[in-house]
Amino acid sequence: MEIYLDTANVDEIREAVDWGVISGVTTNPTLIAKESGRDFHEIIKEICGLVQGPVSAEAVSLDVEGILREARELAALNPHIVIKIPVTENGLAAVKVLSSEGIRTNVTLVFSPLQALLAARAGATYVSPFIGRIDDTGQDGSDVLADIMDIFRNYQLETKVIAASIRHPRHVLEAARLRADIATVPFKVLKTMFRHPLTDHGIERFLADWEKVIKG
């Protein structure tokens, strides 16, 4: 399973890239808005230069022509860019056109296996089920992800599944167990994935033992 970083913060991306564990980045209007005072296109281009992998940037228009216009503008910025499009009738109509033009798409705000299936049939490169937000409704997001993975395997669909709306490391573990292609995680969650109390204890003990060796 690949790991993407879910952020538009360039400093976070630069640090995570140095760790050697991320393969791409996903952004959305909310994340972009946090980077106040910067031009959207400039942020996306800088991220592409850092990651050298898929970078999802969202089209915010709701009509087909508006989505297509934004998508083409974004795709022209860098070959790494993937266009995020919500799973609506107009959104999938745009996905069909963009797929025929060779522009990669990430269908987002997916909350059901049937939405994911429709997106795949329309030609989406990726679909992003929001497992954390599904959990918020009282439904199990992992169950929805499991159903999507089963359907995609049953019919050998080429669309890749990105486990999104990750809230904690357990979500990442569940996504890996269910063989999701990708998990896109916030920087805070990515950092906690490194942590284990036994690792910290082990380092402390090794250092203490080494001090003994040095002192003879």
N, C-alpha and C. Protein backbone atom coordinates (compact mmCIF):
# COMPACT_ATOMS: atom_id res chain seq x y z
N MET A 1 0.84 -1.19 0.00
CA MET A 1 0.00 0.00 0.00
C MET A 1 0.88 1.24 0.00
N GLU A 2 0.59 2.16 -0.92
CA GLU A 2 1.31 3.42 -0.95
C GLU A 2 0.72 4.38 0.08
N ILE A 3 1.55 5.32 0.53
CA ILE A 3 1.11 6.33 1.48
C ILE A 3 1.25 7.70 0.83
N TYR A 4 0.13 8.42 0.81
CA TYR A 4 0.13 9.81 0.36
C TYR A 4 -0.02 10.71 1.58
N LEU A 5 0.40 11.95 1.44
CA LEU A 5 0.22 12.93 2.51
C LEU A 5 -0.97 13.82 2.16
N ASP A 6 -1.88 13.97 3.10
CA ASP A 6 -3.09 14.77 2.88
C ASP A 6 -2.88 16.15 3.48
N THR A 7 -2.35 17.05 2.68
CA THR A 7 -1.99 18.39 3.17
C THR A 7 -1.69 19.29 1.99
N ALA A 8 -1.69 20.59 2.24
CA ALA A 8 -1.18 21.55 1.25
C ALA A 8 -0.05 22.36 1.85
N ASN A 9 0.44 21.92 3.02
CA ASN A 9 1.52 22.62 3.71
C ASN A 9 2.86 22.16 3.14
N VAL A 10 3.54 23.08 2.49
CA VAL A 10 4.78 22.72 1.79
C VAL A 10 5.86 22.26 2.76
N ASP A 11 5.93 22.85 3.94
CA ASP A 11 6.93 22.45 4.92
C ASP A 11 6.70 21.01 5.38
N GLU A 12 5.44 20.65 5.61
CA GLU A 12 5.14 19.27 6.00
C GLU A 12 5.52 18.31 4.88
N ILE A 13 5.20 18.67 3.66
CA ILE A 13 5.51 17.80 2.52
C ILE A 13 7.01 17.62 2.37
N ARG A 14 7.76 18.71 2.50
CA ARG A 14 9.21 18.63 2.36
C ARG A 14 9.80 17.69 3.41
N GLU A 15 9.32 17.78 4.65
CA GLU A 15 9.83 16.92 5.72
C GLU A 15 9.48 15.46 5.46
N ALA A 16 8.24 15.20 5.04
CA ALA A 16 7.81 13.83 4.79
C ALA A 16 8.55 13.21 3.61
N VAL A 17 8.82 14.02 2.59
CA VAL A 17 9.58 13.53 1.44
C VAL A 17 10.98 13.10 1.89
N ASP A 18 11.59 13.85 2.78
CA ASP A 18 12.91 13.50 3.29
C ASP A 18 12.90 12.17 4.03
N TRP A 19 11.77 11.81 4.64
CA TRP A 19 11.67 10.51 5.34
C TRP A 19 11.62 9.33 4.36
N GLY A 20 11.26 9.61 3.11
CA GLY A 20 11.26 8.55 2.10
C GLY A 20 10.06 7.62 2.15
N VAL A 21 8.95 8.07 2.75
CA VAL A 21 7.82 7.14 2.93
C VAL A 21 6.58 7.51 2.13
N ILE A 22 6.52 8.69 1.54
CA ILE A 22 5.31 9.07 0.81
C ILE A 22 5.53 9.03 -0.70
N SER A 23 4.45 8.69 -1.40
CA SER A 23 4.52 8.55 -2.85
C SER A 23 3.70 9.59 -3.59
N GLY A 24 2.90 10.37 -2.86
CA GLY A 24 2.06 11.37 -3.49
C GLY A 24 1.43 12.27 -2.45
N VAL A 25 0.62 13.22 -2.90
CA VAL A 25 -0.04 14.18 -2.03
C VAL A 25 -1.48 14.38 -2.50
N THR A 26 -2.38 14.53 -1.54
CA THR A 26 -3.75 14.94 -1.88
C THR A 26 -4.03 16.27 -1.19
N THR A 27 -4.71 17.14 -1.91
CA THR A 27 -5.12 18.42 -1.34
C THR A 27 -6.63 18.58 -1.55
N ASN A 28 -7.20 19.58 -0.92
CA ASN A 28 -8.60 19.93 -1.15
C ASN A 28 -8.77 21.42 -0.85
N PRO A 29 -9.91 22.02 -1.17
CA PRO A 29 -10.07 23.46 -0.93
C PRO A 29 -9.86 23.87 0.52
N THR A 30 -10.26 23.02 1.47
CA THR A 30 -10.07 23.34 2.88
C THR A 30 -8.59 23.42 3.23
N LEU A 31 -7.81 22.46 2.75
CA LEU A 31 -6.38 22.45 3.04
C LEU A 31 -5.67 23.63 2.35
N ILE A 32 -6.09 23.92 1.13
CA ILE A 32 -5.50 25.05 0.41
C ILE A 32 -5.80 26.36 1.14
N ALA A 33 -7.02 26.47 1.66
CA ALA A 33 -7.43 27.71 2.35
C ALA A 33 -6.57 27.98 3.57
N LYS A 34 -6.04 26.93 4.20
CA LYS A 34 -5.19 27.11 5.37
C LYS A 34 -3.87 27.79 5.01
N GLU A 35 -3.47 27.65 3.74
CA GLU A 35 -2.22 28.27 3.28
C GLU A 35 -2.54 29.67 2.75
N SER A 36 -3.08 30.50 3.63
CA SER A 36 -3.59 31.82 3.24
C SER A 36 -2.48 32.70 2.67
N GLY A 37 -2.89 33.51 1.70
CA GLY A 37 -1.96 34.47 1.13
C GLY A 37 -1.13 33.95 -0.02
N ARG A 38 -1.31 32.68 -0.39
CA ARG A 38 -0.53 32.12 -1.48
C ARG A 38 -1.43 31.77 -2.65
N ASP A 39 -0.93 31.89 -3.85
CA ASP A 39 -1.68 31.55 -5.05
C ASP A 39 -1.85 30.04 -5.15
N PHE A 40 -3.07 29.61 -5.44
CA PHE A 40 -3.39 28.19 -5.51
C PHE A 40 -2.49 27.45 -6.49
N HIS A 41 -2.36 27.98 -7.70
CA HIS A 41 -1.56 27.30 -8.71
C HIS A 41 -0.08 27.23 -8.32
N GLU A 42 0.41 28.27 -7.67
CA GLU A 42 1.81 28.26 -7.25
C GLU A 42 2.05 27.19 -6.18
N ILE A 43 1.09 27.04 -5.25
CA ILE A 43 1.21 26.01 -4.23
C ILE A 43 1.26 24.63 -4.88
N ILE A 44 0.35 24.39 -5.81
CA ILE A 44 0.29 23.08 -6.46
C ILE A 44 1.57 22.79 -7.23
N LYS A 45 2.08 23.78 -7.94
CA LYS A 45 3.33 23.56 -8.70
C LYS A 45 4.50 23.27 -7.77
N GLU A 46 4.57 23.96 -6.64
CA GLU A 46 5.66 23.71 -5.69
C GLU A 46 5.55 22.31 -5.11
N ILE A 47 4.34 21.88 -4.78
CA ILE A 47 4.14 20.53 -4.25
C ILE A 47 4.57 19.49 -5.27
N CYS A 48 4.22 19.70 -6.52
CA CYS A 48 4.62 18.75 -7.58
C CYS A 48 6.13 18.64 -7.68
N GLY A 49 6.80 19.76 -7.52
CA GLY A 49 8.26 19.74 -7.59
C GLY A 49 8.89 18.99 -6.44
N LEU A 50 8.24 18.98 -5.29
CA LEU A 50 8.77 18.29 -4.13
C LEU A 50 8.52 16.79 -4.17
N VAL A 51 7.32 16.41 -4.57
CA VAL A 51 6.88 15.02 -4.42
C VAL A 51 7.34 14.14 -5.56
N GLN A 52 7.28 14.66 -6.79
CA GLN A 52 7.60 13.84 -7.95
C GLN A 52 6.71 12.58 -8.01
N GLY A 53 5.45 12.77 -7.67
CA GLY A 53 4.46 11.70 -7.70
C GLY A 53 3.09 12.33 -7.84
N PRO A 54 2.01 11.53 -7.85
CA PRO A 54 0.67 12.08 -8.05
C PRO A 54 0.30 13.13 -7.00
N VAL A 55 -0.23 14.25 -7.47
CA VAL A 55 -0.68 15.33 -6.59
C VAL A 55 -2.12 15.66 -6.98
N SER A 56 -3.05 15.39 -6.08
CA SER A 56 -4.46 15.65 -6.35
C SER A 56 -4.82 17.09 -6.03
N ALA A 57 -5.39 17.78 -7.03
CA ALA A 57 -5.86 19.15 -6.87
C ALA A 57 -7.31 19.19 -7.31
N GLU A 58 -8.16 19.86 -6.53
CA GLU A 58 -9.60 19.75 -6.74
C GLU A 58 -10.17 20.84 -7.63
N ALA A 59 -11.07 20.41 -8.53
CA ALA A 59 -11.89 21.34 -9.29
C ALA A 59 -13.11 21.69 -8.46
N VAL A 60 -13.46 22.96 -8.38
CA VAL A 60 -14.54 23.37 -7.48
C VAL A 60 -15.83 23.72 -8.22
N SER A 61 -15.79 23.78 -9.55
CA SER A 61 -17.01 24.03 -10.31
C SER A 61 -17.96 22.84 -10.18
N LEU A 62 -19.24 23.09 -10.37
CA LEU A 62 -20.24 22.03 -10.25
C LEU A 62 -20.84 21.63 -11.60
N ASP A 63 -20.69 22.48 -12.60
CA ASP A 63 -21.19 22.14 -13.94
C ASP A 63 -20.09 21.48 -14.75
N VAL A 64 -20.50 20.70 -15.75
CA VAL A 64 -19.54 19.92 -16.51
C VAL A 64 -18.50 20.81 -17.18
N GLU A 65 -18.94 21.87 -17.86
CA GLU A 65 -17.99 22.73 -18.57
C GLU A 65 -17.03 23.41 -17.61
N GLY A 66 -17.52 23.81 -16.44
CA GLY A 66 -16.64 24.44 -15.46
C GLY A 66 -15.61 23.47 -14.93
N ILE A 67 -16.03 22.24 -14.65
CA ILE A 67 -15.09 21.22 -14.18
C ILE A 67 -14.03 20.96 -15.23
N LEU A 68 -14.46 20.82 -16.48
CA LEU A 68 -13.51 20.54 -17.56
C LEU A 68 -12.52 21.69 -17.74
N ARG A 69 -13.00 22.91 -17.66
CA ARG A 69 -12.12 24.07 -17.80
C ARG A 69 -11.07 24.08 -16.70
N GLU A 70 -11.51 23.92 -15.44
CA GLU A 70 -10.56 23.92 -14.33
C GLU A 70 -9.58 22.75 -14.43
N ALA A 71 -10.12 21.58 -14.79
CA ALA A 71 -9.28 20.38 -14.86
C ALA A 71 -8.17 20.55 -15.89
N ARG A 72 -8.51 21.09 -17.04
CA ARG A 72 -7.50 21.26 -18.09
C ARG A 72 -6.46 22.29 -17.69
N GLU A 73 -6.88 23.35 -17.01
CA GLU A 73 -5.93 24.35 -16.53
C GLU A 73 -4.97 23.74 -15.51
N LEU A 74 -5.51 22.97 -14.58
CA LEU A 74 -4.67 22.35 -13.55
C LEU A 74 -3.73 21.32 -14.16
N ALA A 75 -4.25 20.48 -15.05
CA ALA A 75 -3.43 19.42 -15.64
C ALA A 75 -2.28 20.00 -16.45
N ALA A 76 -2.46 21.21 -16.98
CA ALA A 76 -1.40 21.83 -17.78
C ALA A 76 -0.24 22.34 -16.92
N LEU A 77 -0.45 22.44 -15.60
CA LEU A 77 0.59 22.97 -14.72
C LEU A 77 1.74 21.99 -14.54
N ASN A 78 1.41 20.70 -14.47
CA ASN A 78 2.45 19.70 -14.21
C ASN A 78 1.89 18.31 -14.52
N PRO A 79 2.68 17.43 -15.11
CA PRO A 79 2.18 16.09 -15.44
C PRO A 79 1.83 15.23 -14.23
N HIS A 80 2.28 15.63 -13.04
CA HIS A 80 1.96 14.86 -11.83
C HIS A 80 0.54 15.11 -11.32
N ILE A 81 -0.11 16.14 -11.83
CA ILE A 81 -1.39 16.55 -11.25
C ILE A 81 -2.51 15.58 -11.61
N VAL A 82 -3.30 15.26 -10.59
CA VAL A 82 -4.52 14.46 -10.72
C VAL A 82 -5.68 15.36 -10.31
N ILE A 83 -6.77 15.32 -11.05
CA ILE A 83 -7.89 16.21 -10.79
C ILE A 83 -8.90 15.55 -9.85
N LYS A 84 -9.12 16.18 -8.71
CA LYS A 84 -10.14 15.69 -7.77
C LYS A 84 -11.50 16.24 -8.18
N ILE A 85 -12.48 15.34 -8.25
CA ILE A 85 -13.82 15.71 -8.68
C ILE A 85 -14.83 14.98 -7.79
N PRO A 86 -15.80 15.68 -7.21
CA PRO A 86 -16.81 15.01 -6.38
C PRO A 86 -17.68 14.06 -7.19
N VAL A 87 -18.18 13.03 -6.51
CA VAL A 87 -18.98 12.01 -7.18
C VAL A 87 -20.43 12.50 -7.35
N THR A 88 -20.64 13.25 -8.43
CA THR A 88 -21.97 13.72 -8.81
C THR A 88 -22.19 13.33 -10.27
N GLU A 89 -23.43 13.51 -10.76
CA GLU A 89 -23.69 13.20 -12.16
C GLU A 89 -22.80 14.04 -13.07
N ASN A 90 -22.73 15.34 -12.81
CA ASN A 90 -21.87 16.21 -13.62
C ASN A 90 -20.40 15.87 -13.45
N GLY A 91 -20.05 15.52 -12.22
CA GLY A 91 -18.66 15.16 -11.96
C GLY A 91 -18.23 13.95 -12.77
N LEU A 92 -19.06 12.93 -12.80
CA LEU A 92 -18.70 11.72 -13.54
C LEU A 92 -18.76 11.93 -15.05
N ALA A 93 -19.66 12.79 -15.50
CA ALA A 93 -19.67 13.14 -16.92
C ALA A 93 -18.34 13.80 -17.31
N ALA A 94 -17.84 14.64 -16.43
CA ALA A 94 -16.53 15.27 -16.69
C ALA A 94 -15.41 14.25 -16.63
N VAL A 95 -15.50 13.33 -15.70
CA VAL A 95 -14.48 12.27 -15.58
C VAL A 95 -14.39 11.48 -16.89
N LYS A 96 -15.53 11.17 -17.47
CA LYS A 96 -15.54 10.43 -18.73
C LYS A 96 -14.77 11.17 -19.81
N VAL A 97 -15.02 12.48 -19.92
CA VAL A 97 -14.34 13.28 -20.94
C VAL A 97 -12.84 13.37 -20.65
N LEU A 98 -12.51 13.64 -19.41
CA LEU A 98 -11.09 13.80 -19.05
C LEU A 98 -10.32 12.50 -19.24
N SER A 99 -10.97 11.39 -18.92
CA SER A 99 -10.33 10.09 -19.12
C SER A 99 -9.98 9.89 -20.59
N SER A 100 -10.89 10.30 -21.48
CA SER A 100 -10.63 10.15 -22.92
C SER A 100 -9.50 11.05 -23.39
N GLU A 101 -9.23 12.12 -22.61
CA GLU A 101 -8.15 13.06 -22.96
C GLU A 101 -6.84 12.69 -22.28
N GLY A 102 -6.84 11.63 -21.50
CA GLY A 102 -5.62 11.20 -20.82
C GLY A 102 -5.32 11.97 -19.55
N ILE A 103 -6.31 12.69 -19.03
CA ILE A 103 -6.13 13.43 -17.77
C ILE A 103 -6.61 12.57 -16.61
N ARG A 104 -5.74 12.36 -15.64
CA ARG A 104 -6.07 11.48 -14.52
C ARG A 104 -7.01 12.18 -13.53
N THR A 105 -7.90 11.38 -12.94
CA THR A 105 -8.89 11.93 -12.02
C THR A 105 -8.95 11.13 -10.73
N ASN A 106 -9.35 11.82 -9.67
CA ASN A 106 -9.54 11.22 -8.36
C ASN A 106 -10.95 11.60 -7.91
N VAL A 107 -11.87 10.65 -7.96
CA VAL A 107 -13.26 10.95 -7.59
C VAL A 107 -13.37 10.91 -6.07
N THR A 108 -13.80 12.02 -5.52
CA THR A 108 -13.75 12.24 -4.08
C THR A 108 -15.14 12.32 -3.47
N LEU A 109 -15.18 12.43 -2.13
CA LEU A 109 -16.43 12.45 -1.38
C LEU A 109 -17.25 11.20 -1.66
N VAL A 110 -16.56 10.07 -1.71
CA VAL A 110 -17.21 8.76 -1.90
C VAL A 110 -17.57 8.19 -0.54
N PHE A 111 -18.84 7.81 -0.38
CA PHE A 111 -19.31 7.29 0.90
C PHE A 111 -20.02 5.95 0.77
N SER A 112 -20.08 5.40 -0.44
CA SER A 112 -20.74 4.11 -0.61
C SER A 112 -20.04 3.30 -1.71
N PRO A 113 -20.15 1.97 -1.64
CA PRO A 113 -19.56 1.14 -2.70
C PRO A 113 -20.15 1.42 -4.07
N LEU A 114 -21.44 1.76 -4.13
CA LEU A 114 -22.06 2.02 -5.42
C LEU A 114 -21.52 3.30 -6.05
N GLN A 115 -21.26 4.31 -5.22
CA GLN A 115 -20.62 5.53 -5.75
C GLN A 115 -19.25 5.20 -6.32
N ALA A 116 -18.50 4.37 -5.62
CA ALA A 116 -17.17 3.99 -6.09
C ALA A 116 -17.25 3.21 -7.40
N LEU A 117 -18.23 2.33 -7.51
CA LEU A 117 -18.41 1.55 -8.74
C LEU A 117 -18.74 2.45 -9.92
N LEU A 118 -19.65 3.41 -9.71
CA LEU A 118 -19.99 4.34 -10.78
C LEU A 118 -18.78 5.15 -11.23
N ALA A 119 -17.98 5.59 -10.27
CA ALA A 119 -16.78 6.36 -10.60
C ALA A 119 -15.81 5.53 -11.44
N ALA A 120 -15.63 4.28 -11.05
CA ALA A 120 -14.74 3.40 -11.81
C ALA A 120 -15.24 3.19 -13.23
N ARG A 121 -16.55 3.02 -13.37
CA ARG A 121 -17.13 2.79 -14.69
C ARG A 121 -17.01 4.04 -15.57
N ALA A 122 -16.99 5.21 -14.94
CA ALA A 122 -16.85 6.45 -15.70
C ALA A 122 -15.42 6.68 -16.16
N GLY A 123 -14.46 5.92 -15.59
CA GLY A 123 -13.07 6.03 -16.02
C GLY A 123 -12.15 6.70 -15.02
N ALA A 124 -12.58 6.81 -13.76
CA ALA A 124 -11.74 7.44 -12.75
C ALA A 124 -10.43 6.68 -12.58
N THR A 125 -9.36 7.42 -12.41
CA THR A 125 -8.06 6.81 -12.12
C THR A 125 -8.02 6.33 -10.67
N TYR A 126 -8.60 7.14 -9.77
CA TYR A 126 -8.66 6.83 -8.35
C TYR A 126 -10.07 7.12 -7.84
N VAL A 127 -10.46 6.42 -6.78
CA VAL A 127 -11.65 6.80 -6.00
C VAL A 127 -11.22 6.93 -4.54
N SER A 128 -11.83 7.88 -3.84
CA SER A 128 -11.43 8.16 -2.46
C SER A 128 -12.61 8.02 -1.50
N PRO A 129 -12.80 6.82 -0.93
CA PRO A 129 -13.81 6.68 0.12
C PRO A 129 -13.34 7.35 1.41
N PHE A 130 -14.22 8.13 2.03
CA PHE A 130 -13.88 8.91 3.22
C PHE A 130 -14.23 8.11 4.47
N ILE A 131 -13.33 7.23 4.89
CA ILE A 131 -13.70 6.29 5.95
C ILE A 131 -13.90 6.96 7.30
N GLY A 132 -13.15 8.03 7.58
CA GLY A 132 -13.33 8.73 8.84
C GLY A 132 -14.69 9.40 8.94
N ARG A 133 -15.09 10.05 7.87
CA ARG A 133 -16.40 10.72 7.87
C ARG A 133 -17.54 9.70 7.92
N ILE A 134 -17.33 8.53 7.31
CA ILE A 134 -18.33 7.47 7.42
C ILE A 134 -18.46 7.03 8.86
N ASP A 135 -17.35 6.86 9.55
CA ASP A 135 -17.38 6.53 10.98
C ASP A 135 -18.20 7.55 11.76
N ASP A 136 -18.09 8.82 11.39
CA ASP A 136 -18.79 9.89 12.10
C ASP A 136 -20.31 9.72 12.06
N THR A 137 -20.81 9.03 11.03
CA THR A 137 -22.26 8.84 10.90
C THR A 137 -22.77 7.65 11.70
N GLY A 138 -21.85 6.90 12.31
CA GLY A 138 -22.24 5.71 13.05
C GLY A 138 -22.08 4.44 12.24
N GLN A 139 -21.79 4.57 10.95
CA GLN A 139 -21.48 3.43 10.10
C GLN A 139 -19.99 3.15 10.18
N ASP A 140 -19.59 1.91 9.90
CA ASP A 140 -18.17 1.56 9.94
C ASP A 140 -17.53 1.83 8.59
N GLY A 141 -16.63 2.82 8.55
CA GLY A 141 -15.96 3.15 7.31
C GLY A 141 -15.15 2.01 6.73
N SER A 142 -14.61 1.17 7.59
CA SER A 142 -13.82 0.03 7.11
C SER A 142 -14.70 -0.99 6.39
N ASP A 143 -15.95 -1.12 6.82
CA ASP A 143 -16.86 -2.03 6.13
C ASP A 143 -17.13 -1.55 4.71
N VAL A 144 -17.31 -0.23 4.57
CA VAL A 144 -17.53 0.34 3.24
C VAL A 144 -16.29 0.13 2.37
N LEU A 145 -15.12 0.37 2.94
CA LEU A 145 -13.88 0.17 2.20
C LEU A 145 -13.73 -1.30 1.79
N ALA A 146 -14.08 -2.22 2.68
CA ALA A 146 -13.99 -3.65 2.38
C ALA A 146 -14.90 -4.02 1.21
N ASP A 147 -16.11 -3.48 1.19
CA ASP A 147 -17.04 -3.75 0.09
C ASP A 147 -16.49 -3.22 -1.23
N ILE A 148 -15.91 -2.02 -1.20
CA ILE A 148 -15.34 -1.45 -2.42
C ILE A 148 -14.20 -2.33 -2.94
N MET A 149 -13.32 -2.75 -2.04
CA MET A 149 -12.20 -3.58 -2.46
C MET A 149 -12.67 -4.91 -3.05
N ASP A 150 -13.70 -5.51 -2.44
CA ASP A 150 -14.25 -6.77 -2.95
C ASP A 150 -14.81 -6.58 -4.36
N ILE A 151 -15.59 -5.52 -4.55
CA ILE A 151 -16.19 -5.26 -5.87
C ILE A 151 -15.13 -5.02 -6.92
N PHE A 152 -14.14 -4.23 -6.58
CA PHE A 152 -13.09 -3.90 -7.56
C PHE A 152 -12.28 -5.15 -7.92
N ARG A 153 -12.02 -6.01 -6.94
CA ARG A 153 -11.30 -7.25 -7.23
C ARG A 153 -12.16 -8.22 -8.05
N ASN A 154 -13.45 -8.29 -7.70
CA ASN A 154 -14.35 -9.21 -8.41
C ASN A 154 -14.37 -8.93 -9.91
N TYR A 155 -14.34 -7.66 -10.26
CA TYR A 155 -14.47 -7.27 -11.66
C TYR A 155 -13.17 -6.75 -12.26
N GLN A 156 -12.09 -6.91 -11.51
CA GLN A 156 -10.76 -6.54 -11.98
C GLN A 156 -10.74 -5.11 -12.54
N LEU A 157 -11.34 -4.20 -11.77
CA LEU A 157 -11.37 -2.80 -12.18
C LEU A 157 -10.00 -2.17 -11.99
N GLU A 158 -9.60 -1.35 -12.93
CA GLU A 158 -8.27 -0.76 -12.89
C GLU A 158 -8.19 0.46 -11.97
N THR A 159 -9.32 1.04 -11.62
CA THR A 159 -9.34 2.21 -10.75
C THR A 159 -8.72 1.87 -9.39
N LYS A 160 -7.82 2.72 -8.91
CA LYS A 160 -7.18 2.49 -7.63
C LYS A 160 -7.98 3.13 -6.50
N VAL A 161 -7.93 2.52 -5.33
CA VAL A 161 -8.71 2.98 -4.18
C VAL A 161 -7.79 3.69 -3.20
N ILE A 162 -8.14 4.94 -2.88
CA ILE A 162 -7.41 5.73 -1.88
C ILE A 162 -8.26 5.81 -0.62
N ALA A 163 -7.82 5.19 0.46
CA ALA A 163 -8.50 5.34 1.75
C ALA A 163 -8.24 6.76 2.25
N ALA A 164 -9.31 7.55 2.38
CA ALA A 164 -9.18 8.96 2.72
C ALA A 164 -9.93 9.27 4.01
N SER A 165 -9.82 10.52 4.44
CA SER A 165 -10.39 10.95 5.72
C SER A 165 -9.87 10.06 6.85
N ILE A 166 -8.56 9.88 6.84
CA ILE A 166 -7.87 9.08 7.86
C ILE A 166 -7.74 9.90 9.13
N ARG A 167 -8.19 9.33 10.24
CA ARG A 167 -8.19 10.08 11.50
C ARG A 167 -7.10 9.62 12.47
N HIS A 168 -6.64 8.38 12.33
CA HIS A 168 -5.69 7.83 13.29
C HIS A 168 -4.97 6.64 12.65
N PRO A 169 -3.88 6.18 13.26
CA PRO A 169 -3.11 5.08 12.69
C PRO A 169 -3.92 3.80 12.48
N ARG A 170 -4.93 3.58 13.33
CA ARG A 170 -5.76 2.38 13.16
C ARG A 170 -6.43 2.37 11.79
N HIS A 171 -6.86 3.53 11.31
CA HIS A 171 -7.44 3.61 9.98
C HIS A 171 -6.43 3.16 8.92
N VAL A 172 -5.18 3.55 9.08
CA VAL A 172 -4.14 3.16 8.13
C VAL A 172 -3.94 1.65 8.16
N LEU A 173 -3.91 1.09 9.35
CA LEU A 173 -3.75 -0.36 9.50
C LEU A 173 -4.92 -1.11 8.84
N GLU A 174 -6.14 -0.63 9.08
CA GLU A 174 -7.30 -1.28 8.49
C GLU A 174 -7.27 -1.19 6.97
N ALA A 175 -6.85 -0.04 6.45
CA ALA A 175 -6.74 0.12 4.99
C ALA A 175 -5.72 -0.86 4.41
N ALA A 176 -4.60 -1.04 5.10
CA ALA A 176 -3.58 -1.97 4.63
C ALA A 176 -4.08 -3.41 4.68
N ARG A 177 -4.78 -3.77 5.75
CA ARG A 177 -5.32 -5.12 5.85
C ARG A 177 -6.33 -5.42 4.74
N LEU A 178 -7.07 -4.40 4.34
CA LEU A 178 -8.09 -4.58 3.30
C LEU A 178 -7.51 -4.44 1.90
N ARG A 179 -6.21 -4.21 1.82
CA ARG A 179 -5.47 -4.13 0.56
C ARG A 179 -5.89 -2.93 -0.28
N ALA A 180 -6.18 -1.82 0.39
CA ALA A 180 -6.37 -0.57 -0.34
C ALA A 180 -5.08 -0.24 -1.07
N ASP A 181 -5.20 0.37 -2.23
CA ASP A 181 -4.01 0.70 -3.00
C ASP A 181 -3.19 1.79 -2.32
N ILE A 182 -3.91 2.73 -1.70
CA ILE A 182 -3.27 3.92 -1.13
C ILE A 182 -4.03 4.34 0.11
N ALA A 183 -3.31 4.89 1.09
CA ALA A 183 -3.93 5.61 2.20
C ALA A 183 -3.36 7.02 2.19
N THR A 184 -4.21 8.02 2.23
CA THR A 184 -3.73 9.39 2.28
C THR A 184 -3.95 9.91 3.69
N VAL A 185 -2.87 10.33 4.34
CA VAL A 185 -2.91 10.58 5.78
C VAL A 185 -2.45 12.01 6.10
N PRO A 186 -3.06 12.62 7.11
CA PRO A 186 -2.57 13.93 7.58
C PRO A 186 -1.17 13.78 8.17
N PHE A 187 -0.44 14.88 8.17
CA PHE A 187 0.94 14.87 8.67
C PHE A 187 1.00 14.38 10.12
N LYS A 188 0.06 14.81 10.95
CA LYS A 188 0.05 14.42 12.36
C LYS A 188 -0.09 12.90 12.50
N VAL A 189 -0.95 12.30 11.70
CA VAL A 189 -1.13 10.84 11.76
C VAL A 189 0.12 10.14 11.26
N LEU A 190 0.71 10.65 10.19
CA LEU A 190 1.93 10.04 9.67
C LEU A 190 3.02 10.01 10.73
N LYS A 191 3.18 11.10 11.48
CA LYS A 191 4.20 11.14 12.52
C LYS A 191 3.93 10.12 13.62
N THR A 192 2.65 9.94 13.99
CA THR A 192 2.35 8.97 15.05
C THR A 192 2.61 7.54 14.60
N MET A 193 2.62 7.29 13.30
CA MET A 193 2.89 5.94 12.81
C MET A 193 4.32 5.50 13.11
N PHE A 194 5.21 6.45 13.33
CA PHE A 194 6.59 6.12 13.70
C PHE A 194 6.70 5.69 15.16
N ARG A 195 5.74 6.08 15.98
CA ARG A 195 5.89 6.00 17.42
C ARG A 195 5.44 4.67 18.00
N HIS A 196 6.21 4.18 18.96
CA HIS A 196 5.82 3.04 19.80
C HIS A 196 6.62 3.16 21.09
N PRO A 197 5.97 2.99 22.24
CA PRO A 197 6.70 3.16 23.50
C PRO A 197 7.87 2.20 23.65
N LEU A 198 7.77 1.00 23.08
CA LEU A 198 8.89 0.06 23.19
C LEU A 198 10.08 0.51 22.35
N THR A 199 9.81 1.19 21.24
CA THR A 199 10.91 1.75 20.45
C THR A 199 11.64 2.81 21.25
N ASP A 200 10.86 3.72 21.87
CA ASP A 200 11.47 4.78 22.69
C ASP A 200 12.28 4.18 23.84
N HIS A 201 11.70 3.17 24.49
CA HIS A 201 12.39 2.52 25.60
C HIS A 201 13.66 1.83 25.13
N GLY A 202 13.57 1.19 23.95
CA GLY A 202 14.74 0.50 23.42
C GLY A 202 15.88 1.44 23.11
N ILE A 203 15.56 2.61 22.54
CA ILE A 203 16.59 3.60 22.23
C ILE A 203 17.25 4.09 23.51
N GLU A 204 16.41 4.39 24.52
CA GLU A 204 16.95 4.85 25.80
C GLU A 204 17.90 3.81 26.40
N ARG A 205 17.50 2.55 26.31
CA ARG A 205 18.35 1.50 26.89
C ARG A 205 19.65 1.33 26.12
N PHE A 206 19.57 1.36 24.78
CA PHE A 206 20.78 1.25 23.97
C PHE A 206 21.76 2.37 24.31
N LEU A 207 21.23 3.60 24.43
CA LEU A 207 22.08 4.74 24.73
C LEU A 207 22.71 4.61 26.12
N ALA A 208 21.92 4.12 27.08
CA ALA A 208 22.45 3.93 28.44
C ALA A 208 23.55 2.88 28.44
N ASP A 209 23.32 1.79 27.71
CA ASP A 209 24.34 0.73 27.63
C ASP A 209 25.59 1.24 26.94
N TRP A 210 25.42 2.08 25.92
CA TRP A 210 26.59 2.62 25.21
C TRP A 210 27.41 3.52 26.10
N GLU A 211 26.73 4.27 26.97
CA GLU A 211 27.44 5.13 27.92
C GLU A 211 28.34 4.28 28.81
N LYS A 212 27.83 3.14 29.19
CA LYS A 212 28.63 2.23 30.03
C LYS A 212 29.87 1.74 29.31
N VAL A 213 29.70 1.43 28.00
CA VAL A 213 30.84 0.97 27.20
C VAL A 213 31.90 2.07 27.10
N ILE A 214 31.44 3.30 26.84
CA ILE A 214 32.38 4.43 26.69
C ILE A 214 33.15 4.68 27.98
N LYS A 215 32.44 4.60 29.10
CA LYS A 215 33.08 4.88 30.39
C LYS A 215 33.91 3.73 30.90
N GLY A 216 33.74 2.57 30.22
CA GLY A 216 34.54 1.40 30.62
C GLY A 216 34.07 0.83 31.92
